[in-house]
Amino acid sequence: MIDVNKLRYDIVALAPDGETLHLRDAIRRITAEENDGEFAVRLEAEIKNIKLPSGKWIHQQLPLGGQVFYYADWGSGWQRVFQGTIFGWDYNADPLRHFTITAYDQLIHLMKSKDDRFYKAGQTAKAIIQDIAKAWGIPLGTVQGPDVSLAKQVFRGDRLADMITSVLDQAKKRGAGKWVVRSKQGKVDIIKVGQNSPVYCFDADTNVTSIEDRHDIEDLVTRVKIIGAEDKAGRAPVVATLDGKTEFGVLQDLVYQRQYDSLAAAKSAAQDILKERGKPNIKRRVIAPDLPFIRKGDKVKVVAGTLNGYYLVSGVIHNATNQLMTLEVEDVG
């Protein structure tokens, strides 16, 4: 049973001397966030720099590269909701002598590491992801797929996260659906979005603090023209025109064929523009009491204001200080 009024939080650190530190009484602020377009969870904690019984200060026990664990209790006992490595450390010489640590889960290594890799045609997206993880010693948890065969994959100096994103995007185009990459209990999961059970409901009358539902076409492109090579007089012909949502009027961008190897490649670039900018921009945000276990890729139900239905969490910020969370949500499918 979840009782948000009894939420408790703790950060546990493994000190260089092997000591386990529970920092609950020293914590001033905690946020944990998963952002759209990023793999790793980012944890930021502001901590009072207290002198420990050993004579050492807390900051001496939390070095760069140190391991930290974030726990929460929502009525079922302490549950680990994050584990990661300290990547940033910032001390402020104010009267309270506090300092801030920034930590990421192990997916940060996929975001910051580059490699060259080749995969022949016919390998599945799942097999490619498993091979990347094996090569880099990344422990895998639940890997549901995608079991979709792909074309030849050539990666040259690409970030590992970009490789995985690329094969997941290709699998989606081939009918595999949408997937999310998450770290849980020190292992990497590749799962289909919206598979969580139960699905939690956020209702304006009970547990929604506020919502934001913004739609705009400020950056919309509804037509892309492909411009060919100039003739001797300097005139450049239009060799192709791709239309999108022209019901909003003509909002035009250009692609120059000379920048691509072929007309087909130029058309592909034009299609990418329409894919990325060819529909209204929608930003939906829900602020509600914190449920520390809600993750990016989860499905939720929202009945508040102009939102009424099921949505996917595309980003989330858990704020332990005020015990609220901010959900960025998008349409299911």
Foldseek 3Di string as FASTA:
>chain_A
DFDLVPKAKWKWWQFPVRDIDIQRVFWDWWKWKDAFPAAKIKIKTKGQFDQDPVRHTVVNRQDFQTKMWMWMCRPPDIDTLDIFTWHDKAWDPDPRGIIMTMTIHPCVQLVPDWDWDKDAFFAFLLVVLVVVCVVVVAAADAEPGDRDTGHIDTGDRDRNVVVSVVRQVRVVVVPSAHWGWHDDPRHIHIGAFAPDPPAAEAEPVPWFPDKDKDKDLPQAAFKEWEWEDADPVRDIDGPDMDGAPCVVPHDYDYFYCVVDPDPVVSVVVVVVCCVVRHGIDIWMKIKTFDDSNDDQRHKHAYHDDPGGGIWGFSMKMQIPNVRMMMTTTDHDD
